[in-house]
Amino acid sequence: MAAPRDSLERLWSTTGILLQAVLLVGVLAAVGDRRVGAWLLLAAVTGLVLTHLAISFVAYRRVMRRAWPQVRPLDDWDD
């Protein structure tokens, strides 16, 4: 497995590991006390969704701020 290249990938991998641990604890808690397990699983799934949204937003902004390639327009393009 390759090492993370930048802070965004480091954040992604760290957050993923932590939220997967919470999911595992939630599953284990669901076996004993169902209410606690349900709340932990709900918190973990919500955290995963919010993390995916935040990281995709940051990645999108990074890509859109790059320099665009200088491409000549097509000569035979008809509008």
PDB file of N, CA and C in Angstrom:
ATOM      1  N   MET A   1       0.846  -1.179   0.000  1.00  0.00           N
ATOM      2  CA  MET A   1       0.000   0.000   0.000  1.00  0.00           C
ATOM      3  C   MET A   1       0.891   1.242   0.000  1.00  0.00           C
ATOM      4  N   ALA A   2       0.585   2.194  -0.856  1.00  0.00           N
ATOM      5  CA  ALA A   2       1.380   3.417  -0.964  1.00  0.00           C
ATOM      6  C   ALA A   2       1.054   4.377   0.167  1.00  0.00           C
ATOM      7  N   ALA A   3       2.039   5.188   0.518  1.00  0.00           N
ATOM      8  CA  ALA A   3       1.837   6.187   1.570  1.00  0.00           C
ATOM      9  C   ALA A   3       0.991   7.336   1.028  1.00  0.00           C
ATOM     10  N   PRO A   4       0.192   7.979   1.882  1.00  0.00           N
ATOM     11  CA  PRO A   4      -0.616   9.114   1.418  1.00  0.00           C
ATOM     12  C   PRO A   4       0.271  10.242   0.899  1.00  0.00           C
ATOM     13  N   ARG A   5      -0.134  10.858  -0.203  1.00  0.00           N
ATOM     14  CA  ARG A   5       0.687  11.889  -0.835  1.00  0.00           C
ATOM     15  C   ARG A   5       0.483  13.249  -0.220  1.00  0.00           C
ATOM     16  N   ASP A   6      -0.706  13.587   0.171  1.00  0.00           N
ATOM     17  CA  ASP A   6      -0.941  14.931   0.684  1.00  0.00           C
ATOM     18  C   ASP A   6      -1.912  14.899   1.857  1.00  0.00           C
ATOM     19  N   SER A   7      -2.192  16.074   2.369  1.00  0.00           N
ATOM     20  CA  SER A   7      -3.018  16.150   3.575  1.00  0.00           C
ATOM     21  C   SER A   7      -4.444  15.663   3.335  1.00  0.00           C
ATOM     22  N   LEU A   8      -4.979  15.867   2.138  1.00  0.00           N
ATOM     23  CA  LEU A   8      -6.343  15.411   1.853  1.00  0.00           C
ATOM     24  C   LEU A   8      -6.431  13.891   1.918  1.00  0.00           C
ATOM     25  N   GLU A   9      -5.452  13.207   1.345  1.00  0.00           N
ATOM     26  CA  GLU A   9      -5.455  11.747   1.400  1.00  0.00           C
ATOM     27  C   GLU A   9      -5.212  11.259   2.821  1.00  0.00           C
ATOM     28  N   ARG A  10      -4.370  11.956   3.580  1.00  0.00           N
ATOM     29  CA  ARG A  10      -4.121  11.590   4.972  1.00  0.00           C
ATOM     30  C   ARG A  10      -5.399  11.745   5.784  1.00  0.00           C
ATOM     31  N   LEU A  11      -6.113  12.854   5.561  1.00  0.00           N
ATOM     32  CA  LEU A  11      -7.382  13.083   6.255  1.00  0.00           C
ATOM     33  C   LEU A  11      -8.383  11.998   5.899  1.00  0.00           C
ATOM     34  N   TRP A  12      -8.447  11.649   4.624  1.00  0.00           N
ATOM     35  CA  TRP A  12      -9.379  10.635   4.159  1.00  0.00           C
ATOM     36  C   TRP A  12      -9.103   9.295   4.821  1.00  0.00           C
ATOM     37  N   SER A  13      -7.840   8.880   4.850  1.00  0.00           N
ATOM     38  CA  SER A  13      -7.522   7.566   5.411  1.00  0.00           C
ATOM     39  C   SER A  13      -7.713   7.544   6.922  1.00  0.00           C
ATOM     40  N   THR A  14      -7.334   8.611   7.619  1.00  0.00           N
ATOM     41  CA  THR A  14      -7.509   8.658   9.065  1.00  0.00           C
ATOM     42  C   THR A  14      -8.978   8.653   9.449  1.00  0.00           C
ATOM     43  N   THR A  15      -9.766   9.462   8.764  1.00  0.00           N
ATOM     44  CA  THR A  15     -11.194   9.530   9.050  1.00  0.00           C
ATOM     45  C   THR A  15     -11.865   8.197   8.743  1.00  0.00           C
ATOM     46  N   GLY A  16     -11.490   7.581   7.660  1.00  0.00           N
ATOM     47  CA  GLY A  16     -12.064   6.290   7.309  1.00  0.00           C
ATOM     48  C   GLY A  16     -11.776   5.225   8.351  1.00  0.00           C
ATOM     49  N   ILE A  17     -10.548   5.203   8.844  1.00  0.00           N
ATOM     50  CA  ILE A  17     -10.179   4.215   9.861  1.00  0.00           C
ATOM     51  C   ILE A  17     -10.963   4.463  11.147  1.00  0.00           C
ATOM     52  N   LEU A  18     -11.059   5.721  11.569  1.00  0.00           N
ATOM     53  CA  LEU A  18     -11.785   6.031  12.801  1.00  0.00           C
ATOM     54  C   LEU A  18     -13.274   5.694  12.685  1.00  0.00           C
ATOM     55  N   LEU A  19     -13.873   6.030  11.564  1.00  0.00           N
ATOM     56  CA  LEU A  19     -15.299   5.761  11.417  1.00  0.00           C
ATOM     57  C   LEU A  19     -15.583   4.267  11.272  1.00  0.00           C
ATOM     58  N   GLN A  20     -14.672   3.529  10.667  1.00  0.00           N
ATOM     59  CA  GLN A  20     -14.855   2.079  10.602  1.00  0.00           C
ATOM     60  C   GLN A  20     -14.738   1.461  11.986  1.00  0.00           C
ATOM     61  N   ALA A  21     -13.878   2.037  12.822  1.00  0.00           N
ATOM     62  CA  ALA A  21     -13.775   1.549  14.201  1.00  0.00           C
ATOM     63  C   ALA A  21     -15.073   1.821  14.951  1.00  0.00           C
ATOM     64  N   VAL A  22     -15.662   2.999  14.740  1.00  0.00           N
ATOM     65  CA  VAL A  22     -16.940   3.313  15.387  1.00  0.00           C
ATOM     66  C   VAL A  22     -18.032   2.368  14.896  1.00  0.00           C
ATOM     67  N   LEU A  23     -18.021   2.048  13.605  1.00  0.00           N
ATOM     68  CA  LEU A  23     -18.991   1.083  13.080  1.00  0.00           C
ATOM     69  C   LEU A  23     -18.829  -0.280  13.754  1.00  0.00           C
ATOM     70  N   LEU A  24     -17.594  -0.710  13.912  1.00  0.00           N
ATOM     71  CA  LEU A  24     -17.350  -1.992  14.558  1.00  0.00           C
ATOM     72  C   LEU A  24     -17.834  -1.973  16.005  1.00  0.00           C
ATOM     73  N   VAL A  25     -17.534  -0.899  16.722  1.00  0.00           N
ATOM     74  CA  VAL A  25     -18.004  -0.777  18.108  1.00  0.00           C
ATOM     75  C   VAL A  25     -19.533  -0.749  18.135  1.00  0.00           C
ATOM     76  N   GLY A  26     -20.147  -0.079  17.169  1.00  0.00           N
ATOM     77  CA  GLY A  26     -21.604  -0.041  17.100  1.00  0.00           C
ATOM     78  C   GLY A  26     -22.204  -1.405  16.869  1.00  0.00           C
ATOM     79  N   VAL A  27     -21.578  -2.174  16.005  1.00  0.00           N
ATOM     80  CA  VAL A  27     -22.079  -3.529  15.757  1.00  0.00           C
ATOM     81  C   VAL A  27     -21.936  -4.375  17.016  1.00  0.00           C
ATOM     82  N   LEU A  28     -20.801  -4.251  17.688  1.00  0.00           N
ATOM     83  CA  LEU A  28     -20.599  -5.017  18.917  1.00  0.00           C
ATOM     84  C   LEU A  28     -21.575  -4.582  20.008  1.00  0.00           C
ATOM     85  N   ALA A  29     -21.841  -3.269  20.082  1.00  0.00           N
ATOM     86  CA  ALA A  29     -22.789  -2.776  21.078  1.00  0.00           C
ATOM     87  C   ALA A  29     -24.213  -3.192  20.733  1.00  0.00           C
ATOM     88  N   ALA A  30     -24.500  -3.346  19.439  1.00  0.00           N
ATOM     89  CA  ALA A  30     -25.840  -3.749  19.027  1.00  0.00           C
ATOM     90  C   ALA A  30     -26.153  -5.167  19.498  1.00  0.00           C
ATOM     91  N   VAL A  31     -25.126  -5.970  19.648  1.00  0.00           N
ATOM     92  CA  VAL A  31     -25.338  -7.328  20.135  1.00  0.00           C
ATOM     93  C   VAL A  31     -25.811  -7.294  21.591  1.00  0.00           C
ATOM     94  N   GLY A  32     -25.222  -6.382  22.395  1.00  0.00           N
ATOM     95  CA  GLY A  32     -25.585  -6.307  23.806  1.00  0.00           C
ATOM     96  C   GLY A  32     -26.780  -5.392  24.032  1.00  0.00           C
ATOM     97  N   ASP A  33     -26.579  -4.093  23.889  1.00  0.00           N
ATOM     98  CA  ASP A  33     -27.646  -3.110  24.113  1.00  0.00           C
ATOM     99  C   ASP A  33     -28.032  -2.528  22.752  1.00  0.00           C
ATOM    100  N   ARG A  34     -29.185  -2.853  22.275  1.00  0.00           N
ATOM    101  CA  ARG A  34     -29.579  -2.469  20.917  1.00  0.00           C
ATOM    102  C   ARG A  34     -29.717  -0.960  20.737  1.00  0.00           C
ATOM    103  N   ARG A  35     -30.150  -0.257  21.758  1.00  0.00           N
ATOM    104  CA  ARG A  35     -30.341   1.187  21.633  1.00  0.00           C
ATOM    105  C   ARG A  35     -29.000   1.907  21.476  1.00  0.00           C
ATOM    106  N   VAL A  36     -28.024   1.533  22.293  1.00  0.00           N
ATOM    107  CA  VAL A  36     -26.688   2.136  22.200  1.00  0.00           C
ATOM    108  C   VAL A  36     -26.054   1.790  20.856  1.00  0.00           C
ATOM    109  N   GLY A  37     -26.198   0.545  20.455  1.00  0.00           N
ATOM    110  CA  GLY A  37     -25.646   0.125  19.170  1.00  0.00           C
ATOM    111  C   GLY A  37     -26.262   0.880  18.008  1.00  0.00           C
ATOM    112  N   ALA A  38     -27.557   1.097  18.064  1.00  0.00           N
ATOM    113  CA  ALA A  38     -28.235   1.825  16.984  1.00  0.00           C
ATOM    114  C   ALA A  38     -27.740   3.261  16.911  1.00  0.00           C
ATOM    115  N   TRP A  39     -27.563   3.909  18.056  1.00  0.00           N
ATOM    116  CA  TRP A  39     -27.073   5.290  18.053  1.00  0.00           C
ATOM    117  C   TRP A  39     -25.636   5.375  17.546  1.00  0.00           C
ATOM    118  N   LEU A  40     -24.801   4.411  17.943  1.00  0.00           N
ATOM    119  CA  LEU A  40     -23.421   4.406  17.457  1.00  0.00           C
ATOM    120  C   LEU A  40     -23.357   4.158  15.950  1.00  0.00           C
ATOM    121  N   LEU A  41     -24.172   3.236  15.462  1.00  0.00           N
ATOM    122  CA  LEU A  41     -24.196   2.981  14.025  1.00  0.00           C
ATOM    123  C   LEU A  41     -24.719   4.188  13.250  1.00  0.00           C
ATOM    124  N   LEU A  42     -25.744   4.833  13.787  1.00  0.00           N
ATOM    125  CA  LEU A  42     -26.271   6.032  13.139  1.00  0.00           C
ATOM    126  C   LEU A  42     -25.228   7.147  13.108  1.00  0.00           C
ATOM    127  N   ALA A  43     -24.512   7.323  14.206  1.00  0.00           N
ATOM    128  CA  ALA A  43     -23.459   8.342  14.260  1.00  0.00           C
ATOM    129  C   ALA A  43     -22.341   8.031  13.275  1.00  0.00           C
ATOM    130  N   ALA A  44     -21.963   6.767  13.169  1.00  0.00           N
ATOM    131  CA  ALA A  44     -20.887   6.384  12.260  1.00  0.00           C
ATOM    132  C   ALA A  44     -21.290   6.578  10.798  1.00  0.00           C
ATOM    133  N   VAL A  45     -22.495   6.169  10.452  1.00  0.00           N
ATOM    134  CA  VAL A  45     -22.953   6.327   9.061  1.00  0.00           C
ATOM    135  C   VAL A  45     -23.088   7.808   8.715  1.00  0.00           C
ATOM    136  N   THR A  46     -23.616   8.604   9.633  1.00  0.00           N
ATOM    137  CA  THR A  46     -23.720  10.046   9.398  1.00  0.00           C
ATOM    138  C   THR A  46     -22.340  10.659   9.236  1.00  0.00           C
ATOM    139  N   GLY A  47     -21.407  10.244  10.078  1.00  0.00           N
ATOM    140  CA  GLY A  47     -20.034  10.739   9.967  1.00  0.00           C
ATOM    141  C   GLY A  47     -19.394  10.357   8.649  1.00  0.00           C
ATOM    142  N   LEU A  48     -19.627   9.132   8.189  1.00  0.00           N
ATOM    143  CA  LEU A  48     -19.079   8.709   6.894  1.00  0.00           C
ATOM    144  C   LEU A  48     -19.639   9.545   5.749  1.00  0.00           C
ATOM    145  N   VAL A  49     -20.940   9.767   5.751  1.00  0.00           N
ATOM    146  CA  VAL A  49     -21.564  10.544   4.679  1.00  0.00           C
ATOM    147  C   VAL A  49     -21.037  11.979   4.690  1.00  0.00           C
ATOM    148  N   LEU A  50     -20.971  12.594   5.859  1.00  0.00           N
ATOM    149  CA  LEU A  50     -20.479  13.967   5.952  1.00  0.00           C
ATOM    150  C   LEU A  50     -19.008  14.062   5.568  1.00  0.00           C
ATOM    151  N   THR A  51     -18.230  13.059   5.932  1.00  0.00           N
ATOM    152  CA  THR A  51     -16.816  13.052   5.546  1.00  0.00           C
ATOM    153  C   THR A  51     -16.665  12.930   4.039  1.00  0.00           C
ATOM    154  N   HIS A  52     -17.440  12.059   3.421  1.00  0.00           N
ATOM    155  CA  HIS A  52     -17.394  11.916   1.964  1.00  0.00           C
ATOM    156  C   HIS A  52     -17.772  13.227   1.284  1.00  0.00           C
ATOM    157  N   LEU A  53     -18.802  13.881   1.776  1.00  0.00           N
ATOM    158  CA  LEU A  53     -19.212  15.152   1.187  1.00  0.00           C
ATOM    159  C   LEU A  53     -18.149  16.230   1.352  1.00  0.00           C
ATOM    160  N   ALA A  54     -17.560  16.332   2.530  1.00  0.00           N
ATOM    161  CA  ALA A  54     -16.546  17.356   2.778  1.00  0.00           C
ATOM    162  C   ALA A  54     -15.309  17.120   1.927  1.00  0.00           C
ATOM    163  N   ILE A  55     -14.850  15.886   1.856  1.00  0.00           N
ATOM    164  CA  ILE A  55     -13.646  15.601   1.088  1.00  0.00           C
ATOM    165  C   ILE A  55     -13.902  15.757  -0.402  1.00  0.00           C
ATOM    166  N   SER A  56     -15.087  15.381  -0.877  1.00  0.00           N
ATOM    167  CA  SER A  56     -15.381  15.570  -2.300  1.00  0.00           C
ATOM    168  C   SER A  56     -15.496  17.054  -2.634  1.00  0.00           C
ATOM    169  N   PHE A  57     -16.024  17.854  -1.716  1.00  0.00           N
ATOM    170  CA  PHE A  57     -16.099  19.298  -1.945  1.00  0.00           C
ATOM    171  C   PHE A  57     -14.699  19.904  -2.037  1.00  0.00           C
ATOM    172  N   VAL A  58     -13.813  19.509  -1.133  1.00  0.00           N
ATOM    173  CA  VAL A  58     -12.441  20.030  -1.146  1.00  0.00           C
ATOM    174  C   VAL A  58     -11.719  19.579  -2.409  1.00  0.00           C
ATOM    175  N   ALA A  59     -11.888  18.317  -2.793  1.00  0.00           N
ATOM    176  CA  ALA A  59     -11.235  17.810  -4.000  1.00  0.00           C
ATOM    177  C   ALA A  59     -11.777  18.504  -5.249  1.00  0.00           C
ATOM    178  N   TYR A  60     -13.068  18.745  -5.303  1.00  0.00           N
ATOM    179  CA  TYR A  60     -13.665  19.442  -6.437  1.00  0.00           C
ATOM    180  C   TYR A  60     -13.099  20.853  -6.566  1.00  0.00           C
ATOM    181  N   ARG A  61     -13.012  21.553  -5.426  1.00  0.00           N
ATOM    182  CA  ARG A  61     -12.476  22.921  -5.452  1.00  0.00           C
ATOM    183  C   ARG A  61     -11.017  22.922  -5.907  1.00  0.00           C
ATOM    184  N   ARG A  62     -10.256  21.914  -5.471  1.00  0.00           N
ATOM    185  CA  ARG A  62      -8.856  21.829  -5.872  1.00  0.00           C
ATOM    186  C   ARG A  62      -8.728  21.616  -7.378  1.00  0.00           C
ATOM    187  N   VAL A  63      -9.551  20.734  -7.926  1.00  0.00           N
ATOM    188  CA  VAL A  63      -9.485  20.454  -9.362  1.00  0.00           C
ATOM    189  C   VAL A  63      -9.921  21.671 -10.172  1.00  0.00           C
ATOM    190  N   MET A  64     -10.969  22.352  -9.725  1.00  0.00           N
ATOM    191  CA  MET A  64     -11.474  23.490 -10.481  1.00  0.00           C
ATOM    192  C   MET A  64     -10.550  24.707 -10.420  1.00  0.00           C
ATOM    193  N   ARG A  65      -9.635  24.747  -9.477  1.00  0.00           N
ATOM    194  CA  ARG A  65      -8.690  25.864  -9.389  1.00  0.00           C
ATOM    195  C   ARG A  65      -7.432  25.641 -10.199  1.00  0.00           C
ATOM    196  N   ARG A  66      -7.262  24.468 -10.763  1.00  0.00           N
ATOM    197  CA  ARG A  66      -6.090  24.195 -11.599  1.00  0.00           C
ATOM    198  C   ARG A  66      -6.155  25.019 -12.877  1.00  0.00           C
ATOM    199  N   ALA A  67      -5.002  25.182 -13.483  1.00  0.00           N
ATOM    200  CA  ALA A  67      -4.950  25.868 -14.772  1.00  0.00           C
ATOM    201  C   ALA A  67      -5.584  24.974 -15.842  1.00  0.00           C
ATOM    202  N   TRP A  68      -6.419  25.584 -16.657  1.00  0.00           N
ATOM    203  CA  TRP A  68      -7.074  24.832 -17.711  1.00  0.00           C
ATOM    204  C   TRP A  68      -6.137  24.704 -18.903  1.00  0.00           C
ATOM    205  N   PRO A  69      -6.225  23.610 -19.647  1.00  0.00           N
ATOM    206  CA  PRO A  69      -5.344  23.445 -20.805  1.00  0.00           C
ATOM    207  C   PRO A  69      -5.710  24.445 -21.911  1.00  0.00           C
ATOM    208  N   GLN A  70      -4.697  24.920 -22.585  1.00  0.00           N
ATOM    209  CA  GLN A  70      -4.900  25.855 -23.694  1.00  0.00           C
ATOM    210  C   GLN A  70      -5.139  25.042 -24.968  1.00  0.00           C
ATOM    211  N   VAL A  71      -6.393  24.944 -25.349  1.00  0.00           N
ATOM    212  CA  VAL A  71      -6.782  24.126 -26.499  1.00  0.00           C
ATOM    213  C   VAL A  71      -7.387  25.033 -27.548  1.00  0.00           C
ATOM    214  N   ARG A  72      -6.960  24.818 -28.784  1.00  0.00           N
ATOM    215  CA  ARG A  72      -7.482  25.599 -29.897  1.00  0.00           C
ATOM    216  C   ARG A  72      -8.912  25.176 -30.189  1.00  0.00           C
ATOM    217  N   PRO A  73      -9.831  26.132 -30.470  1.00  0.00           N
ATOM    218  CA  PRO A  73     -11.212  25.744 -30.805  1.00  0.00           C
ATOM    219  C   PRO A  73     -11.273  24.963 -32.115  1.00  0.00           C
ATOM    220  N   LEU A  74     -12.291  24.137 -32.237  1.00  0.00           N
ATOM    221  CA  LEU A  74     -12.482  23.384 -33.475  1.00  0.00           C
ATOM    222  C   LEU A  74     -12.888  24.337 -34.597  1.00  0.00           C
ATOM    223  N   ASP A  75     -12.297  24.117 -35.784  1.00  0.00           N
ATOM    224  CA  ASP A  75     -12.596  24.999 -36.923  1.00  0.00           C
ATOM    225  C   ASP A  75     -13.942  24.678 -37.571  1.00  0.00           C
ATOM    226  N   ASP A  76     -14.323  23.416 -37.565  1.00  0.00           N
ATOM    227  CA  ASP A  76     -15.549  23.033 -38.265  1.00  0.00           C
ATOM    228  C   ASP A  76     -16.735  22.860 -37.317  1.00  0.00           C
ATOM    229  N   TRP A  77     -16.689  23.466 -36.174  1.00  0.00           N
ATOM    230  CA  TRP A  77     -17.772  23.333 -35.224  1.00  0.00           C
ATOM    231  C   TRP A  77     -18.938  24.245 -35.606  1.00  0.00           C
ATOM    232  N   ASP A  78     -20.125  23.684 -35.761  1.00  0.00           N
ATOM    233  CA  ASP A  78     -21.324  24.454 -36.126  1.00  0.00           C
ATOM    234  C   ASP A  78     -22.224  24.572 -34.912  1.00  0.00           C
ATOM    235  N   ASP A  79     -22.606  25.787 -34.598  1.00  0.00           N
ATOM    236  CA  ASP A  79     -23.512  26.008 -33.460  1.00  0.00           C
ATOM    237  C   ASP A  79     -24.946  25.842 -33.856  1.00  0.00           C
TER     238      ASP A  79
END
